[in-house]
């Protein structure tokens, strides 16, 4: 059932976007280095060629098995279940060491005050996102979320399309924020504007050609831009 529009019409008219969709890892959650290491350890465990830091970081944001297959092309398909299990083993061992980027909580609080609908569109699994939200003490902050195991993974636009349909929001009133080219390509595929952040998995120059409205180099820059432009 579609969500009703916010009753505060003046607030709605003063902003450019009603729905803001955040990627999770590398955008809100400071997890890039740990995920990179977990991918490398999992590939090593099953006897594959260990990807470089850059190659392992590149696949962050994709669904788990899509990411692992891309990072470890010489691992046979028959070993994918073991590869996935080893990744989850390594990630669980260090997941409590991961935290939100500094400034994320206050940024989200300010956006809630402006009555944006806040959502998450992530390559994580549903159990993985729920656990991360619990760790970050953000349960109830987001109005909705989509994960790669319950819909199509990035850069397929289905995550954003489902969120837009749920809230009855048009693409031009929806903003996608992410740290990878997968996030920005998903936004383009859905017809939505996007903002990139360069402090996560992908470097700023990789966003050239994907038409982000802005590239933020810190959470503070992202926060300031959103208060002015969102």
C-alpha atoms as a PDB file:
ATOM      1  CA  UNK A   1       0.000   0.000   0.000  1.00  0.00           C
ATOM      2  CA  UNK A   2       1.520   3.377  -0.967  1.00  0.00           C
ATOM      3  CA  UNK A   3       2.553   5.692   1.860  1.00  0.00           C
ATOM      4  CA  UNK A   4       0.601   8.916   2.266  1.00  0.00           C
ATOM      5  CA  UNK A   5       2.294  12.209   1.500  1.00  0.00           C
ATOM      6  CA  UNK A   6       3.654  14.114   4.475  1.00  0.00           C
ATOM      7  CA  UNK A   7       1.045  16.552   5.834  1.00  0.00           C
ATOM      8  CA  UNK A   8       3.551  19.435   6.055  1.00  0.00           C
ATOM      9  CA  UNK A   9       3.107  20.806   2.533  1.00  0.00           C
ATOM     10  CA  UNK A  10       5.392  23.806   3.094  1.00  0.00           C
ATOM     11  CA  UNK A  11       8.294  21.523   4.013  1.00  0.00           C
ATOM     12  CA  UNK A  12       7.673  19.344   0.979  1.00  0.00           C
ATOM     13  CA  UNK A  13       7.632  22.329  -1.378  1.00  0.00           C
ATOM     14  CA  UNK A  14      10.885  23.704   0.060  1.00  0.00           C
ATOM     15  CA  UNK A  15      12.925  20.610  -0.738  1.00  0.00           C
ATOM     16  CA  UNK A  16      14.010  19.065  -4.016  1.00  0.00           C
ATOM     17  CA  UNK A  17      13.757  15.388  -3.034  1.00  0.00           C
ATOM     18  CA  UNK A  18      11.085  13.539  -1.086  1.00  0.00           C
ATOM     19  CA  UNK A  19      12.873  10.176  -1.009  1.00  0.00           C
ATOM     20  CA  UNK A  20      16.587   9.714  -0.269  1.00  0.00           C
ATOM     21  CA  UNK A  21      18.078   6.252  -0.780  1.00  0.00           C
ATOM     22  CA  UNK A  22      21.451   5.527   0.810  1.00  0.00           C
ATOM     23  CA  UNK A  23      23.819   2.741  -0.004  1.00  0.00           C
ATOM     24  CA  UNK A  24      25.087   1.169   3.226  1.00  0.00           C
ATOM     25  CA  UNK A  25      28.682  -0.143   3.116  1.00  0.00           C
ATOM     26  CA  UNK A  26      31.195   2.593   2.368  1.00  0.00           C
ATOM     27  CA  UNK A  27      28.522   5.305   2.378  1.00  0.00           C
ATOM     28  CA  UNK A  28      27.103   5.208   5.902  1.00  0.00           C
ATOM     29  CA  UNK A  29      29.051   2.299   7.399  1.00  0.00           C
ATOM     30  CA  UNK A  30      32.861   2.410   7.554  1.00  0.00           C
ATOM     31  CA  UNK A  31      33.287  -1.143   6.331  1.00  0.00           C
ATOM     32  CA  UNK A  32      35.239  -0.949   3.059  1.00  0.00           C
ATOM     33  CA  UNK A  33      38.617  -2.087   4.411  1.00  0.00           C
ATOM     34  CA  UNK A  34      37.146  -4.974   6.402  1.00  0.00           C
ATOM     35  CA  UNK A  35      34.971  -6.215   3.523  1.00  0.00           C
ATOM     36  CA  UNK A  36      37.979  -6.046   1.199  1.00  0.00           C
ATOM     37  CA  UNK A  37      40.013  -8.158   3.604  1.00  0.00           C
ATOM     38  CA  UNK A  38      37.159 -10.655   4.087  1.00  0.00           C
ATOM     39  CA  UNK A  39      36.836 -11.131   0.315  1.00  0.00           C
ATOM     40  CA  UNK A  40      40.575 -11.734   0.023  1.00  0.00           C
ATOM     41  CA  UNK A  41      40.593 -14.208   2.921  1.00  0.00           C
ATOM     42  CA  UNK A  42      37.624 -16.125   1.518  1.00  0.00           C
ATOM     43  CA  UNK A  43      39.250 -16.467  -1.911  1.00  0.00           C
ATOM     44  CA  UNK A  44      42.503 -17.582  -0.286  1.00  0.00           C
ATOM     45  CA  UNK A  45      40.627 -20.196   1.784  1.00  0.00           C
ATOM     46  CA  UNK A  46      39.222 -21.913  -1.306  1.00  0.00           C
ATOM     47  CA  UNK A  47      42.479 -21.809  -3.256  1.00  0.00           C
ATOM     48  CA  UNK A  48      41.726 -18.988  -5.667  1.00  0.00           C
ATOM     49  CA  UNK A  49      43.987 -16.183  -6.792  1.00  0.00           C
ATOM     50  CA  UNK A  50      43.688 -13.507  -4.119  1.00  0.00           C
ATOM     51  CA  UNK A  51      42.434 -10.237  -5.655  1.00  0.00           C
ATOM     52  CA  UNK A  52      44.253  -6.964  -5.093  1.00  0.00           C
ATOM     53  CA  UNK A  53      42.815  -4.420  -2.677  1.00  0.00           C
ATOM     54  CA  UNK A  54      41.513  -2.413  -5.638  1.00  0.00           C
ATOM     55  CA  UNK A  55      39.855  -5.412  -7.319  1.00  0.00           C
ATOM     56  CA  UNK A  56      38.296  -6.620  -4.069  1.00  0.00           C
ATOM     57  CA  UNK A  57      36.980  -3.157  -3.224  1.00  0.00           C
ATOM     58  CA  UNK A  58      35.536  -2.731  -6.718  1.00  0.00           C
ATOM     59  CA  UNK A  59      32.872  -5.414  -6.151  1.00  0.00           C
ATOM     60  CA  UNK A  60      31.557  -3.926  -2.906  1.00  0.00           C
ATOM     61  CA  UNK A  61      27.912  -3.014  -3.371  1.00  0.00           C
ATOM     62  CA  UNK A  62      27.067  -5.973  -5.596  1.00  0.00           C
ATOM     63  CA  UNK A  63      25.155  -8.962  -4.262  1.00  0.00           C
ATOM     64  CA  UNK A  64      27.449 -11.332  -2.359  1.00  0.00           C
ATOM     65  CA  UNK A  65      27.819 -14.148  -4.880  1.00  0.00           C
ATOM     66  CA  UNK A  66      27.961 -11.749  -7.833  1.00  0.00           C
ATOM     67  CA  UNK A  67      30.732  -9.874  -6.016  1.00  0.00           C
ATOM     68  CA  UNK A  68      32.711 -12.978  -5.105  1.00  0.00           C
ATOM     69  CA  UNK A  69      32.440 -14.432  -8.609  1.00  0.00           C
ATOM     70  CA  UNK A  70      33.772 -11.186 -10.079  1.00  0.00           C
ATOM     71  CA  UNK A  71      36.595 -10.949  -7.539  1.00  0.00           C
ATOM     72  CA  UNK A  72      37.638 -14.590  -7.962  1.00  0.00           C
ATOM     73  CA  UNK A  73      37.139 -15.542 -11.628  1.00  0.00           C
ATOM     74  CA  UNK A  74      39.382 -18.616 -11.339  1.00  0.00           C
ATOM     75  CA  UNK A  75      37.313 -20.210  -8.555  1.00  0.00           C
ATOM     76  CA  UNK A  76      35.064 -22.907 -10.062  1.00  0.00           C
ATOM     77  CA  UNK A  77      31.308 -22.538  -9.731  1.00  0.00           C
ATOM     78  CA  UNK A  78      31.173 -25.734  -7.692  1.00  0.00           C
ATOM     79  CA  UNK A  79      33.133 -23.937  -4.963  1.00  0.00           C
ATOM     80  CA  UNK A  80      30.835 -20.896  -4.778  1.00  0.00           C
ATOM     81  CA  UNK A  81      28.884 -22.211  -1.749  1.00  0.00           C
ATOM     82  CA  UNK A  82      32.148 -22.725   0.130  1.00  0.00           C
ATOM     83  CA  UNK A  83      33.417 -19.336  -1.023  1.00  0.00           C
ATOM     84  CA  UNK A  84      30.282 -17.626   0.268  1.00  0.00           C
ATOM     85  CA  UNK A  85      30.461 -19.504   3.559  1.00  0.00           C
ATOM     86  CA  UNK A  86      34.078 -18.498   4.094  1.00  0.00           C
ATOM     87  CA  UNK A  87      33.274 -14.856   3.401  1.00  0.00           C
ATOM     88  CA  UNK A  88      30.435 -14.906   5.925  1.00  0.00           C
ATOM     89  CA  UNK A  89      32.734 -16.610   8.452  1.00  0.00           C
ATOM     90  CA  UNK A  90      35.376 -13.905   8.149  1.00  0.00           C
ATOM     91  CA  UNK A  91      32.825 -11.089   8.162  1.00  0.00           C
ATOM     92  CA  UNK A  92      31.037 -12.347  11.277  1.00  0.00           C
ATOM     93  CA  UNK A  93      34.372 -12.528  13.072  1.00  0.00           C
ATOM     94  CA  UNK A  94      34.934  -8.783  12.709  1.00  0.00           C
ATOM     95  CA  UNK A  95      31.497  -7.232  12.156  1.00  0.00           C
ATOM     96  CA  UNK A  96      31.398  -5.773  15.662  1.00  0.00           C
ATOM     97  CA  UNK A  97      34.541  -3.771  14.851  1.00  0.00           C
ATOM     98  CA  UNK A  98      32.684  -1.764  12.173  1.00  0.00           C
ATOM     99  CA  UNK A  99      30.907   1.500  12.927  1.00  0.00           C
ATOM    100  CA  UNK A 100      29.153   4.378  11.226  1.00  0.00           C
ATOM    101  CA  UNK A 101      31.297   7.065   9.674  1.00  0.00           C
ATOM    102  CA  UNK A 102      31.624  10.022  12.015  1.00  0.00           C
ATOM    103  CA  UNK A 103      28.804  12.493  11.426  1.00  0.00           C
ATOM    104  CA  UNK A 104      26.316  10.047   9.889  1.00  0.00           C
ATOM    105  CA  UNK A 105      23.929  10.019  12.866  1.00  0.00           C
ATOM    106  CA  UNK A 106      23.583  13.809  12.969  1.00  0.00           C
ATOM    107  CA  UNK A 107      23.170  13.958   9.184  1.00  0.00           C
ATOM    108  CA  UNK A 108      20.322  11.449   9.278  1.00  0.00           C
ATOM    109  CA  UNK A 109      18.702  13.276  12.194  1.00  0.00           C
ATOM    110  CA  UNK A 110      18.726  16.553  10.253  1.00  0.00           C
ATOM    111  CA  UNK A 111      17.197  14.876   7.206  1.00  0.00           C
ATOM    112  CA  UNK A 112      14.469  13.328   9.360  1.00  0.00           C
ATOM    113  CA  UNK A 113      13.690  16.794  10.719  1.00  0.00           C
ATOM    114  CA  UNK A 114      13.196  17.984   7.129  1.00  0.00           C
ATOM    115  CA  UNK A 115      10.705  15.113   6.675  1.00  0.00           C
ATOM    116  CA  UNK A 116      12.509  13.312   3.877  1.00  0.00           C
ATOM    117  CA  UNK A 117      11.713   9.641   3.542  1.00  0.00           C
ATOM    118  CA  UNK A 118      15.009   7.890   4.286  1.00  0.00           C
ATOM    119  CA  UNK A 119      15.706   4.461   2.821  1.00  0.00           C
ATOM    120  CA  UNK A 120      18.556   2.011   2.279  1.00  0.00           C
ATOM    121  CA  UNK A 121      19.350   0.286  -1.035  1.00  0.00           C
ATOM    122  CA  UNK A 122      22.188  -2.163  -0.442  1.00  0.00           C
ATOM    123  CA  UNK A 123      23.989  -5.179  -1.800  1.00  0.00           C
ATOM    124  CA  UNK A 124      23.888  -6.716   1.674  1.00  0.00           C
ATOM    125  CA  UNK A 125      21.516  -9.540   2.536  1.00  0.00           C
ATOM    126  CA  UNK A 126      18.444  -8.878   4.666  1.00  0.00           C
ATOM    127  CA  UNK A 127      19.957 -10.595   7.734  1.00  0.00           C
ATOM    128  CA  UNK A 128      23.203  -8.700   7.138  1.00  0.00           C
ATOM    129  CA  UNK A 129      21.492  -5.310   6.942  1.00  0.00           C
ATOM    130  CA  UNK A 130      19.283  -6.003   9.949  1.00  0.00           C
ATOM    131  CA  UNK A 131      22.338  -6.954  12.008  1.00  0.00           C
ATOM    132  CA  UNK A 132      24.203  -3.834  10.848  1.00  0.00           C
ATOM    133  CA  UNK A 133      21.262  -1.582  11.705  1.00  0.00           C
ATOM    134  CA  UNK A 134      21.172  -3.141  15.153  1.00  0.00           C
ATOM    135  CA  UNK A 135      24.922  -2.628  15.613  1.00  0.00           C
ATOM    136  CA  UNK A 136      24.662   0.990  14.474  1.00  0.00           C
ATOM    137  CA  UNK A 137      21.595   1.620  16.650  1.00  0.00           C
ATOM    138  CA  UNK A 138      19.634   2.840  13.632  1.00  0.00           C
ATOM    139  CA  UNK A 139      16.599   0.585  13.954  1.00  0.00           C
ATOM    140  CA  UNK A 140      13.561   2.713  13.131  1.00  0.00           C
ATOM    141  CA  UNK A 141      15.525   5.565  11.523  1.00  0.00           C
ATOM    142  CA  UNK A 142      14.857   4.419   7.958  1.00  0.00           C
ATOM    143  CA  UNK A 143      11.380   4.310   6.505  1.00  0.00           C
ATOM    144  CA  UNK A 144      12.156   1.331   4.264  1.00  0.00           C
ATOM    145  CA  UNK A 145      15.014  -0.670   2.767  1.00  0.00           C
ATOM    146  CA  UNK A 146      15.834  -3.131   0.014  1.00  0.00           C
ATOM    147  CA  UNK A 147      18.581  -5.764  -0.010  1.00  0.00           C
ATOM    148  CA  UNK A 148      20.132  -7.740  -2.846  1.00  0.00           C
ATOM    149  CA  UNK A 149      18.682 -11.079  -1.702  1.00  0.00           C
ATOM    150  CA  UNK A 150      15.072  -9.876  -1.796  1.00  0.00           C
ATOM    151  CA  UNK A 151      15.152  -8.067  -5.146  1.00  0.00           C
ATOM    152  CA  UNK A 152      17.576  -7.572  -8.038  1.00  0.00           C
ATOM    153  CA  UNK A 153      21.148  -6.541  -7.211  1.00  0.00           C
ATOM    154  CA  UNK A 154      22.846  -3.393  -8.441  1.00  0.00           C
ATOM    155  CA  UNK A 155      23.071  -1.906 -11.006  1.00  0.00           C
ATOM    156  CA  UNK A 156      19.626  -3.273 -11.882  1.00  0.00           C
ATOM    157  CA  UNK A 157      17.180  -0.438 -11.042  1.00  0.00           C
ATOM    158  CA  UNK A 158      14.615  -2.652  -9.320  1.00  0.00           C
ATOM    159  CA  UNK A 159      15.614  -1.683  -5.758  1.00  0.00           C
ATOM    160  CA  UNK A 160      14.981   1.990  -6.436  1.00  0.00           C
ATOM    161  CA  UNK A 161      11.880   1.293  -8.498  1.00  0.00           C
ATOM    162  CA  UNK A 162      10.358  -0.713  -5.649  1.00  0.00           C
ATOM    163  CA  UNK A 163      11.149   2.011  -3.107  1.00  0.00           C
ATOM    164  CA  UNK A 164       9.721   4.724  -5.347  1.00  0.00           C
ATOM    165  CA  UNK A 165       6.566   2.678  -5.879  1.00  0.00           C
ATOM    166  CA  UNK A 166       6.223   2.025  -2.139  1.00  0.00           C
ATOM    167  CA  UNK A 167       6.231   5.745  -1.351  1.00  0.00           C
ATOM    168  CA  UNK A 168       4.568   6.990  -4.522  1.00  0.00           C
ATOM    169  CA  UNK A 169       7.566   9.166  -5.419  1.00  0.00           C
ATOM    170  CA  UNK A 170       8.662  10.041  -8.959  1.00  0.00           C
ATOM    171  CA  UNK A 171      12.258   9.443 -10.104  1.00  0.00           C
ATOM    172  CA  UNK A 172      13.052  13.158 -10.250  1.00  0.00           C
ATOM    173  CA  UNK A 173      12.044  13.476  -6.580  1.00  0.00           C
ATOM    174  CA  UNK A 174      14.282  10.561  -5.559  1.00  0.00           C
ATOM    175  CA  UNK A 175      17.992  10.873  -4.739  1.00  0.00           C
ATOM    176  CA  UNK A 176      20.419   7.929  -4.624  1.00  0.00           C
ATOM    177  CA  UNK A 177      23.615   8.344  -2.575  1.00  0.00           C
ATOM    178  CA  UNK A 178      26.443   5.830  -2.861  1.00  0.00           C
ATOM    179  CA  UNK A 179      30.175   5.199  -2.918  1.00  0.00           C
ATOM    180  CA  UNK A 180      30.414   2.986  -6.004  1.00  0.00           C
ATOM    181  CA  UNK A 181      29.794   3.128  -9.718  1.00  0.00           C
ATOM    182  CA  UNK A 182      27.218   0.355  -9.163  1.00  0.00           C
ATOM    183  CA  UNK A 183      25.131   2.773  -7.080  1.00  0.00           C
ATOM    184  CA  UNK A 184      25.335   5.568  -9.625  1.00  0.00           C
ATOM    185  CA  UNK A 185      24.609   3.268 -12.552  1.00  0.00           C
ATOM    186  CA  UNK A 186      21.548   1.950 -10.713  1.00  0.00           C
ATOM    187  CA  UNK A 187      20.352   5.526 -10.273  1.00  0.00           C
ATOM    188  CA  UNK A 188      20.851   6.250 -13.983  1.00  0.00           C
ATOM    189  CA  UNK A 189      18.996   3.059 -14.889  1.00  0.00           C
ATOM    190  CA  UNK A 190      16.088   4.131 -12.658  1.00  0.00           C
ATOM    191  CA  UNK A 191      16.066   7.693 -14.012  1.00  0.00           C
ATOM    192  CA  UNK A 192      17.036   9.142 -10.615  1.00  0.00           C
ATOM    193  CA  UNK A 193      19.566  11.827  -9.720  1.00  0.00           C
ATOM    194  CA  UNK A 194      22.515  10.702  -7.622  1.00  0.00           C
ATOM    195  CA  UNK A 195      25.271  11.937  -5.326  1.00  0.00           C
ATOM    196  CA  UNK A 196      28.579  10.102  -5.038  1.00  0.00           C
ATOM    197  CA  UNK A 197      30.900   9.865  -2.049  1.00  0.00           C
ATOM    198  CA  UNK A 198      34.625   9.335  -2.576  1.00  0.00           C
ATOM    199  CA  UNK A 199      35.516   8.128   0.927  1.00  0.00           C
ATOM    200  CA  UNK A 200      34.230   4.572   0.351  1.00  0.00           C
ATOM    201  CA  UNK A 201      35.109   1.807  -2.107  1.00  0.00           C
ATOM    202  CA  UNK A 202      35.519   3.652  -5.421  1.00  0.00           C
ATOM    203  CA  UNK A 203      37.694   6.669  -6.183  1.00  0.00           C
ATOM    204  CA  UNK A 204      36.269   9.986  -7.364  1.00  0.00           C
ATOM    205  CA  UNK A 205      37.507   9.713 -10.967  1.00  0.00           C
ATOM    206  CA  UNK A 206      35.513   6.495 -11.482  1.00  0.00           C
ATOM    207  CA  UNK A 207      32.302   8.530 -11.239  1.00  0.00           C
ATOM    208  CA  UNK A 208      33.095  10.507 -14.398  1.00  0.00           C
ATOM    209  CA  UNK A 209      30.367   9.928 -16.942  1.00  0.00           C
ATOM    210  CA  UNK A 210      27.794   8.738 -14.381  1.00  0.00           C
ATOM    211  CA  UNK A 211      26.407  12.257 -13.875  1.00  0.00           C
ATOM    212  CA  UNK A 212      26.298  12.643 -10.077  1.00  0.00           C
ATOM    213  CA  UNK A 213      24.969  16.004  -8.941  1.00  0.00           C
ATOM    214  CA  UNK A 214      27.843  16.226  -6.467  1.00  0.00           C
ATOM    215  CA  UNK A 215      30.832  14.217  -5.242  1.00  0.00           C
ATOM    216  CA  UNK A 216      31.321  14.471  -1.473  1.00  0.00           C
ATOM    217  CA  UNK A 217      34.774  13.764  -0.075  1.00  0.00           C
ATOM    218  CA  UNK A 218      33.588  13.478   3.535  1.00  0.00           C
ATOM    219  CA  UNK A 219      30.381  12.962   5.494  1.00  0.00           C
ATOM    220  CA  UNK A 220      30.587  16.617   6.503  1.00  0.00           C
ATOM    221  CA  UNK A 221      30.590  17.702   2.835  1.00  0.00           C
ATOM    222  CA  UNK A 222      27.682  15.364   2.111  1.00  0.00           C
ATOM    223  CA  UNK A 223      25.737  16.682   5.108  1.00  0.00           C
ATOM    224  CA  UNK A 224      26.276  20.309   4.102  1.00  0.00           C
ATOM    225  CA  UNK A 225      25.282  19.658   0.476  1.00  0.00           C
ATOM    226  CA  UNK A 226      22.117  17.827   1.487  1.00  0.00           C
ATOM    227  CA  UNK A 227      20.983  20.645   3.783  1.00  0.00           C
ATOM    228  CA  UNK A 228      21.445  23.153   0.951  1.00  0.00           C
ATOM    229  CA  UNK A 229      20.367  21.163  -2.089  1.00  0.00           C
ATOM    230  CA  UNK A 230      18.134  18.256  -1.047  1.00  0.00           C
END
